[in-house]
């Protein structure tokens, strides 16, 4: 599978819908059936996993021991935010209100490709995140890609 990549900024309509760029929709496997699982991401963003990719996340969660306190806590947190959203005829999804509030999204949404998922950010929050990064791009690339 080719990964999600790129970025796009779109308006969020009054019903909480945002368009998913065609180049990102086209990456989805037919098995996803035009459906994503939206859940709370990290750094105040929303993660969108295609339905087939979300199944892998659920399998990994299911393999964790229910006797492990942290595994239970993580399972509760990721699953309580999870909600399926399906592309409409205009290539839009409705963002669940609790996730919009968590990410601080109101009028605009920045959609980022992040290989196996999409991330939805408030554009100002993403700019702040970038400005607060303490590790420069080259150092980060060296640390992550040399593992």
N, C-alpha and C. Protein backbone atom coordinates (compact mmCIF):
# COMPACT_ATOMS: atom_id res chain seq x y z
N UNK A 1 0.83 -1.18 0.00
CA UNK A 1 0.00 0.00 0.00
C UNK A 1 0.87 1.24 0.00
N UNK A 2 0.52 2.19 -0.83
CA UNK A 2 1.16 3.50 -0.78
C UNK A 2 0.67 4.21 0.47
N UNK A 3 1.50 5.02 1.05
CA UNK A 3 1.12 5.70 2.27
C UNK A 3 0.47 7.04 2.02
N UNK A 4 -0.25 7.52 3.01
CA UNK A 4 -0.82 8.86 2.96
C UNK A 4 0.31 9.87 3.08
N UNK A 5 0.27 10.89 2.25
CA UNK A 5 1.30 11.93 2.30
C UNK A 5 0.69 13.26 1.88
N UNK A 6 1.41 14.33 2.15
CA UNK A 6 0.98 15.66 1.76
C UNK A 6 0.18 16.35 2.84
N UNK A 7 -0.32 17.52 2.47
CA UNK A 7 -1.11 18.32 3.39
C UNK A 7 -2.12 19.15 2.62
N UNK A 8 -3.19 19.49 3.27
CA UNK A 8 -4.22 20.33 2.66
C UNK A 8 -4.98 21.03 3.77
N UNK A 9 -5.42 22.24 3.51
CA UNK A 9 -6.21 22.99 4.47
C UNK A 9 -7.59 23.21 3.88
N UNK A 10 -8.61 22.91 4.66
CA UNK A 10 -9.98 23.03 4.20
C UNK A 10 -10.84 23.71 5.25
N UNK A 11 -11.95 24.26 4.78
CA UNK A 11 -12.96 24.81 5.68
C UNK A 11 -13.73 23.66 6.31
N UNK A 12 -14.20 23.90 7.52
CA UNK A 12 -15.10 22.97 8.20
C UNK A 12 -16.48 23.61 8.13
N UNK A 13 -17.47 22.88 7.60
CA UNK A 13 -18.80 23.48 7.48
C UNK A 13 -19.52 23.46 8.83
N UNK A 14 -20.70 24.04 8.85
CA UNK A 14 -21.46 24.19 10.10
C UNK A 14 -21.89 22.85 10.68
N UNK A 15 -21.87 21.78 9.87
CA UNK A 15 -22.22 20.45 10.36
C UNK A 15 -20.99 19.65 10.79
N UNK A 16 -19.82 20.29 10.80
CA UNK A 16 -18.59 19.62 11.23
C UNK A 16 -18.00 18.72 10.16
N UNK A 17 -18.32 18.99 8.89
CA UNK A 17 -17.79 18.17 7.80
C UNK A 17 -16.59 18.86 7.18
N UNK A 18 -15.62 18.02 6.76
CA UNK A 18 -14.43 18.52 6.09
C UNK A 18 -14.12 17.58 4.92
N UNK A 19 -13.65 18.17 3.84
CA UNK A 19 -13.29 17.38 2.66
C UNK A 19 -11.96 16.69 2.88
N UNK A 20 -11.88 15.46 2.41
CA UNK A 20 -10.62 14.72 2.39
C UNK A 20 -10.08 14.84 0.97
N UNK A 21 -8.84 15.31 0.80
CA UNK A 21 -8.31 15.51 -0.56
C UNK A 21 -8.38 14.23 -1.39
N UNK A 22 -8.68 14.40 -2.68
CA UNK A 22 -8.80 13.25 -3.59
C UNK A 22 -7.53 12.42 -3.60
N UNK A 23 -6.36 13.08 -3.59
CA UNK A 23 -5.11 12.30 -3.62
C UNK A 23 -4.96 11.42 -2.39
N UNK A 24 -5.57 11.81 -1.27
CA UNK A 24 -5.53 10.99 -0.06
C UNK A 24 -6.62 9.92 -0.09
N UNK A 25 -7.78 10.27 -0.59
CA UNK A 25 -8.86 9.27 -0.72
C UNK A 25 -8.43 8.15 -1.65
N UNK A 26 -7.70 8.49 -2.69
CA UNK A 26 -7.28 7.50 -3.69
C UNK A 26 -6.27 6.50 -3.16
N UNK A 27 -5.64 6.78 -2.04
CA UNK A 27 -4.67 5.86 -1.43
C UNK A 27 -5.39 4.73 -0.68
N UNK A 28 -6.62 4.97 -0.31
CA UNK A 28 -7.35 3.98 0.50
C UNK A 28 -7.56 2.69 -0.27
N UNK A 29 -7.42 1.58 0.43
CA UNK A 29 -7.72 0.27 -0.14
C UNK A 29 -9.23 0.11 -0.29
N UNK A 30 -9.67 -0.63 -1.29
CA UNK A 30 -11.10 -0.87 -1.42
C UNK A 30 -11.71 -1.52 -0.17
N UNK A 31 -10.89 -2.29 0.57
CA UNK A 31 -11.37 -2.96 1.77
C UNK A 31 -11.83 -1.97 2.84
N UNK A 32 -11.35 -0.73 2.76
CA UNK A 32 -11.74 0.28 3.74
C UNK A 32 -13.17 0.77 3.50
N UNK A 33 -13.69 0.53 2.31
CA UNK A 33 -15.08 0.88 1.96
C UNK A 33 -15.38 2.36 2.20
N UNK A 34 -14.38 3.23 1.97
CA UNK A 34 -14.60 4.66 2.14
C UNK A 34 -14.83 5.08 3.57
N UNK A 35 -14.40 4.25 4.52
CA UNK A 35 -14.66 4.50 5.93
C UNK A 35 -13.35 4.61 6.71
N UNK A 36 -13.33 5.56 7.63
CA UNK A 36 -12.21 5.75 8.55
C UNK A 36 -12.70 5.52 9.96
N UNK A 37 -11.77 5.17 10.84
CA UNK A 37 -12.03 5.27 12.27
C UNK A 37 -11.29 6.50 12.75
N UNK A 38 -12.04 7.43 13.30
CA UNK A 38 -11.47 8.65 13.86
C UNK A 38 -11.29 8.43 15.35
N UNK A 39 -10.15 8.85 15.88
CA UNK A 39 -9.92 8.74 17.31
C UNK A 39 -8.96 9.83 17.75
N UNK A 40 -8.84 9.97 19.04
CA UNK A 40 -7.93 10.96 19.60
C UNK A 40 -6.51 10.59 19.23
N UNK A 41 -5.79 11.56 18.70
CA UNK A 41 -4.39 11.36 18.39
C UNK A 41 -3.52 11.92 19.50
N UNK A 42 -2.29 12.18 19.16
CA UNK A 42 -1.36 12.77 20.10
C UNK A 42 -1.11 14.22 19.68
N UNK A 43 -0.57 15.02 20.59
CA UNK A 43 -0.29 16.43 20.33
C UNK A 43 -1.52 17.19 19.83
N UNK A 44 -2.69 16.91 20.39
CA UNK A 44 -3.92 17.64 20.09
C UNK A 44 -4.38 17.54 18.64
N UNK A 45 -4.28 16.36 18.06
CA UNK A 45 -4.81 16.16 16.72
C UNK A 45 -5.72 14.94 16.71
N UNK A 46 -6.40 14.76 15.59
CA UNK A 46 -7.28 13.62 15.40
C UNK A 46 -6.59 12.65 14.45
N UNK A 47 -6.60 11.37 14.78
CA UNK A 47 -6.09 10.34 13.88
C UNK A 47 -7.27 9.77 13.09
N UNK A 48 -7.06 9.59 11.80
CA UNK A 48 -8.03 8.92 10.92
C UNK A 48 -7.35 7.70 10.32
N UNK A 49 -7.79 6.53 10.73
CA UNK A 49 -7.28 5.28 10.18
C UNK A 49 -8.29 4.73 9.20
N UNK A 50 -7.88 4.34 7.99
CA UNK A 50 -8.82 3.63 7.11
C UNK A 50 -9.31 2.38 7.83
N UNK A 51 -10.53 1.99 7.55
CA UNK A 51 -11.15 0.88 8.27
C UNK A 51 -10.27 -0.37 8.28
N UNK A 52 -9.64 -0.70 7.16
CA UNK A 52 -8.79 -1.90 7.14
C UNK A 52 -7.55 -1.72 8.01
N UNK A 53 -7.00 -0.53 8.09
CA UNK A 53 -5.86 -0.26 8.96
C UNK A 53 -6.25 -0.27 10.43
N UNK A 54 -7.47 0.21 10.72
CA UNK A 54 -7.95 0.22 12.09
C UNK A 54 -8.09 -1.20 12.62
N UNK A 55 -8.44 -2.13 11.76
CA UNK A 55 -8.56 -3.53 12.20
C UNK A 55 -7.24 -4.02 12.76
N UNK A 56 -6.13 -3.59 12.17
CA UNK A 56 -4.80 -3.97 12.68
C UNK A 56 -4.56 -3.36 14.06
N UNK A 57 -5.00 -2.12 14.26
CA UNK A 57 -4.86 -1.47 15.57
C UNK A 57 -5.66 -2.26 16.60
N UNK A 58 -6.90 -2.61 16.25
CA UNK A 58 -7.73 -3.36 17.18
C UNK A 58 -7.12 -4.73 17.50
N UNK A 59 -6.52 -5.37 16.51
CA UNK A 59 -5.87 -6.66 16.77
C UNK A 59 -4.72 -6.50 17.74
N UNK A 60 -3.95 -5.43 17.58
CA UNK A 60 -2.83 -5.18 18.49
C UNK A 60 -3.33 -4.89 19.91
N UNK A 61 -4.42 -4.13 20.01
CA UNK A 61 -5.01 -3.84 21.32
C UNK A 61 -5.54 -5.13 21.94
N UNK A 62 -6.19 -5.95 21.12
CA UNK A 62 -6.76 -7.20 21.61
C UNK A 62 -5.72 -8.19 22.10
N UNK A 63 -4.49 -8.04 21.60
CA UNK A 63 -3.42 -8.94 22.02
C UNK A 63 -2.82 -8.56 23.38
N UNK A 64 -3.18 -7.38 23.89
CA UNK A 64 -2.65 -6.93 25.18
C UNK A 64 -3.38 -7.64 26.31
N UNK A 65 -2.69 -7.82 27.39
CA UNK A 65 -3.26 -8.50 28.54
C UNK A 65 -4.22 -7.57 29.28
N UNK A 66 -5.40 -8.08 29.58
CA UNK A 66 -6.35 -7.30 30.37
C UNK A 66 -5.93 -7.25 31.84
N UNK A 67 -4.89 -8.00 32.19
CA UNK A 67 -4.37 -7.96 33.55
C UNK A 67 -3.34 -6.85 33.73
N UNK A 68 -2.97 -6.17 32.64
CA UNK A 68 -2.01 -5.08 32.68
C UNK A 68 -2.76 -3.76 32.80
N UNK A 69 -2.52 -3.05 33.90
CA UNK A 69 -3.23 -1.80 34.18
C UNK A 69 -3.07 -0.76 33.06
N UNK A 70 -1.84 -0.58 32.56
CA UNK A 70 -1.62 0.41 31.50
C UNK A 70 -2.30 0.00 30.20
N UNK A 71 -2.31 -1.28 29.91
CA UNK A 71 -2.99 -1.75 28.69
C UNK A 71 -4.49 -1.46 28.79
N UNK A 72 -5.07 -1.68 29.95
CA UNK A 72 -6.50 -1.38 30.14
C UNK A 72 -6.76 0.10 30.00
N UNK A 73 -5.91 0.91 30.59
CA UNK A 73 -6.09 2.37 30.54
C UNK A 73 -5.99 2.88 29.10
N UNK A 74 -4.98 2.40 28.38
CA UNK A 74 -4.82 2.83 26.99
C UNK A 74 -6.00 2.38 26.14
N UNK A 75 -6.42 1.13 26.33
CA UNK A 75 -7.55 0.60 25.57
C UNK A 75 -8.79 1.46 25.79
N UNK A 76 -9.06 1.79 27.03
CA UNK A 76 -10.22 2.64 27.34
C UNK A 76 -10.12 3.98 26.63
N UNK A 77 -8.96 4.59 26.71
CA UNK A 77 -8.81 5.94 26.17
C UNK A 77 -8.91 5.98 24.66
N UNK A 78 -8.25 5.07 23.98
CA UNK A 78 -8.31 5.12 22.51
C UNK A 78 -9.69 4.71 22.00
N UNK A 79 -10.31 3.73 22.66
CA UNK A 79 -11.59 3.23 22.19
C UNK A 79 -12.75 4.16 22.55
N UNK A 80 -12.65 4.89 23.66
CA UNK A 80 -13.76 5.78 24.02
C UNK A 80 -13.88 6.95 23.04
N UNK A 81 -12.78 7.30 22.39
CA UNK A 81 -12.80 8.39 21.41
C UNK A 81 -13.11 7.89 20.00
N UNK A 82 -13.00 6.60 19.76
CA UNK A 82 -13.11 6.06 18.41
C UNK A 82 -14.54 6.11 17.87
N UNK A 83 -14.64 6.49 16.60
CA UNK A 83 -15.93 6.58 15.94
C UNK A 83 -15.71 6.39 14.44
N UNK A 84 -16.57 5.62 13.80
CA UNK A 84 -16.44 5.43 12.36
C UNK A 84 -17.07 6.60 11.61
N UNK A 85 -16.36 7.06 10.58
CA UNK A 85 -16.84 8.13 9.72
C UNK A 85 -16.66 7.68 8.28
N UNK A 86 -17.67 7.91 7.46
CA UNK A 86 -17.65 7.44 6.08
C UNK A 86 -17.69 8.64 5.14
N UNK A 87 -16.93 8.54 4.08
CA UNK A 87 -16.92 9.59 3.06
C UNK A 87 -18.31 9.72 2.44
N UNK A 88 -18.76 10.95 2.26
CA UNK A 88 -20.02 11.15 1.56
C UNK A 88 -19.75 11.31 0.06
N UNK A 89 -20.77 11.58 -0.71
CA UNK A 89 -20.63 11.68 -2.16
C UNK A 89 -19.73 12.81 -2.62
N UNK A 90 -19.45 13.77 -1.73
CA UNK A 90 -18.58 14.89 -2.07
C UNK A 90 -17.18 14.73 -1.47
N UNK A 91 -16.87 13.53 -0.96
CA UNK A 91 -15.54 13.28 -0.40
C UNK A 91 -15.31 13.90 0.95
N UNK A 92 -16.39 14.14 1.70
CA UNK A 92 -16.27 14.75 3.03
C UNK A 92 -16.56 13.71 4.11
N UNK A 93 -16.02 13.99 5.29
CA UNK A 93 -16.38 13.21 6.48
C UNK A 93 -16.91 14.18 7.52
N UNK A 94 -17.76 13.67 8.39
CA UNK A 94 -18.20 14.45 9.54
C UNK A 94 -17.28 14.14 10.71
N UNK A 95 -16.71 15.17 11.28
CA UNK A 95 -15.81 14.98 12.42
C UNK A 95 -16.66 14.96 13.69
N UNK A 96 -16.57 13.90 14.48
CA UNK A 96 -17.34 13.86 15.72
C UNK A 96 -17.03 15.06 16.62
N UNK A 97 -18.08 15.65 17.18
CA UNK A 97 -17.93 16.87 17.98
C UNK A 97 -16.92 16.74 19.12
N UNK A 98 -16.93 15.64 19.90
CA UNK A 98 -15.92 15.55 20.98
C UNK A 98 -14.48 15.61 20.45
N UNK A 99 -14.24 15.04 19.28
CA UNK A 99 -12.89 15.09 18.71
C UNK A 99 -12.56 16.50 18.22
N UNK A 100 -13.55 17.19 17.64
CA UNK A 100 -13.32 18.58 17.21
C UNK A 100 -12.95 19.44 18.41
N UNK A 101 -13.67 19.24 19.52
CA UNK A 101 -13.38 20.02 20.73
C UNK A 101 -12.00 19.69 21.28
N UNK A 102 -11.66 18.39 21.31
CA UNK A 102 -10.34 17.99 21.80
C UNK A 102 -9.22 18.65 21.00
N UNK A 103 -9.36 18.66 19.67
CA UNK A 103 -8.30 19.19 18.79
C UNK A 103 -8.41 20.70 18.59
N UNK A 104 -9.46 21.32 19.11
CA UNK A 104 -9.63 22.77 18.95
C UNK A 104 -9.96 23.19 17.53
N UNK A 105 -10.61 22.31 16.79
CA UNK A 105 -10.95 22.61 15.39
C UNK A 105 -12.30 23.29 15.33
N UNK A 106 -12.36 24.39 14.57
CA UNK A 106 -13.64 25.07 14.40
C UNK A 106 -13.89 25.38 12.94
N UNK A 107 -13.25 26.40 12.41
CA UNK A 107 -13.55 26.84 11.04
C UNK A 107 -12.65 26.24 9.96
N UNK A 108 -11.42 25.90 10.32
CA UNK A 108 -10.47 25.35 9.35
C UNK A 108 -9.84 24.09 9.91
N UNK A 109 -9.47 23.19 8.99
CA UNK A 109 -8.80 21.96 9.39
C UNK A 109 -7.61 21.73 8.47
N UNK A 110 -6.50 21.37 9.05
CA UNK A 110 -5.30 20.99 8.30
C UNK A 110 -5.24 19.48 8.29
N UNK A 111 -5.22 18.90 7.10
CA UNK A 111 -5.18 17.45 6.96
C UNK A 111 -3.78 17.07 6.51
N UNK A 112 -3.14 16.20 7.29
CA UNK A 112 -1.78 15.76 6.99
C UNK A 112 -1.77 14.27 6.70
N UNK A 113 -1.04 13.87 5.69
CA UNK A 113 -0.79 12.46 5.46
C UNK A 113 0.31 12.00 6.40
N UNK A 114 0.10 10.88 7.08
CA UNK A 114 1.08 10.36 8.05
C UNK A 114 1.25 8.86 7.83
N UNK A 115 1.53 8.48 6.60
CA UNK A 115 1.76 7.12 6.14
C UNK A 115 0.55 6.21 6.30
N UNK A 116 0.31 5.67 7.50
CA UNK A 116 -0.78 4.71 7.68
C UNK A 116 -2.08 5.37 8.13
N UNK A 117 -2.06 6.67 8.31
CA UNK A 117 -3.23 7.39 8.80
C UNK A 117 -3.19 8.82 8.28
N UNK A 118 -4.30 9.49 8.46
CA UNK A 118 -4.36 10.94 8.26
C UNK A 118 -4.43 11.58 9.63
N UNK A 119 -3.93 12.79 9.73
CA UNK A 119 -4.07 13.55 10.96
C UNK A 119 -4.83 14.83 10.63
N UNK A 120 -5.74 15.21 11.51
CA UNK A 120 -6.48 16.46 11.33
C UNK A 120 -6.12 17.37 12.49
N UNK A 121 -5.68 18.56 12.13
CA UNK A 121 -5.20 19.54 13.10
C UNK A 121 -5.94 20.86 12.92
N UNK A 122 -6.03 21.62 13.98
CA UNK A 122 -6.33 23.03 13.86
C UNK A 122 -5.06 23.66 13.30
N UNK A 123 -5.14 24.44 12.21
CA UNK A 123 -3.91 24.98 11.60
C UNK A 123 -3.03 25.77 12.57
N UNK A 124 -3.63 26.56 13.44
CA UNK A 124 -2.84 27.34 14.40
C UNK A 124 -2.15 26.44 15.41
N UNK A 125 -2.85 25.40 15.85
CA UNK A 125 -2.24 24.46 16.80
C UNK A 125 -1.06 23.74 16.17
N UNK A 126 -1.18 23.39 14.87
CA UNK A 126 -0.06 22.72 14.22
C UNK A 126 1.13 23.66 14.07
N UNK A 127 0.87 24.90 13.75
CA UNK A 127 1.95 25.89 13.65
C UNK A 127 2.65 26.04 15.00
N UNK A 128 1.87 26.10 16.06
CA UNK A 128 2.46 26.19 17.41
C UNK A 128 3.28 24.94 17.72
N UNK A 129 2.76 23.78 17.37
CA UNK A 129 3.49 22.52 17.59
C UNK A 129 4.84 22.58 16.88
N UNK A 130 4.86 23.01 15.62
CA UNK A 130 6.12 23.10 14.88
C UNK A 130 7.09 24.08 15.53
N UNK A 131 6.56 25.20 15.99
CA UNK A 131 7.41 26.22 16.61
C UNK A 131 7.99 25.78 17.94
N UNK A 132 7.30 24.86 18.62
CA UNK A 132 7.76 24.39 19.92
C UNK A 132 8.67 23.18 19.84
N UNK A 133 8.83 22.61 18.66
CA UNK A 133 9.70 21.44 18.51
C UNK A 133 11.12 21.81 18.92
N UNK A 134 11.72 20.97 19.73
CA UNK A 134 13.06 21.26 20.23
C UNK A 134 14.16 20.56 19.43
N UNK A 135 13.77 19.63 18.58
CA UNK A 135 14.75 18.91 17.77
C UNK A 135 14.55 19.32 16.32
N UNK A 136 15.64 19.71 15.66
CA UNK A 136 15.52 20.12 14.26
C UNK A 136 15.26 18.90 13.37
N UNK A 137 14.78 19.17 12.17
CA UNK A 137 14.37 18.13 11.22
C UNK A 137 15.48 17.14 10.92
N UNK A 138 16.70 17.63 10.68
CA UNK A 138 17.80 16.75 10.32
C UNK A 138 18.17 15.80 11.47
N UNK A 139 18.21 16.32 12.69
CA UNK A 139 18.52 15.49 13.85
C UNK A 139 17.43 14.45 14.07
N UNK A 140 16.19 14.88 13.93
CA UNK A 140 15.07 13.96 14.09
C UNK A 140 15.14 12.84 13.06
N UNK A 141 15.40 13.20 11.81
CA UNK A 141 15.51 12.19 10.74
C UNK A 141 16.63 11.21 11.05
N UNK A 142 17.77 11.70 11.49
CA UNK A 142 18.89 10.82 11.81
C UNK A 142 18.53 9.87 12.94
N UNK A 143 17.90 10.37 13.99
CA UNK A 143 17.54 9.54 15.14
C UNK A 143 16.52 8.46 14.77
N UNK A 144 15.50 8.86 14.04
CA UNK A 144 14.40 7.94 13.74
C UNK A 144 14.80 6.95 12.64
N UNK A 145 15.40 7.42 11.59
CA UNK A 145 15.66 6.55 10.43
C UNK A 145 16.90 5.69 10.58
N UNK A 146 17.73 5.96 11.57
CA UNK A 146 18.91 5.11 11.75
C UNK A 146 18.65 3.99 12.76
N UNK A 147 17.44 3.89 13.28
CA UNK A 147 17.11 2.83 14.24
C UNK A 147 17.04 1.49 13.56
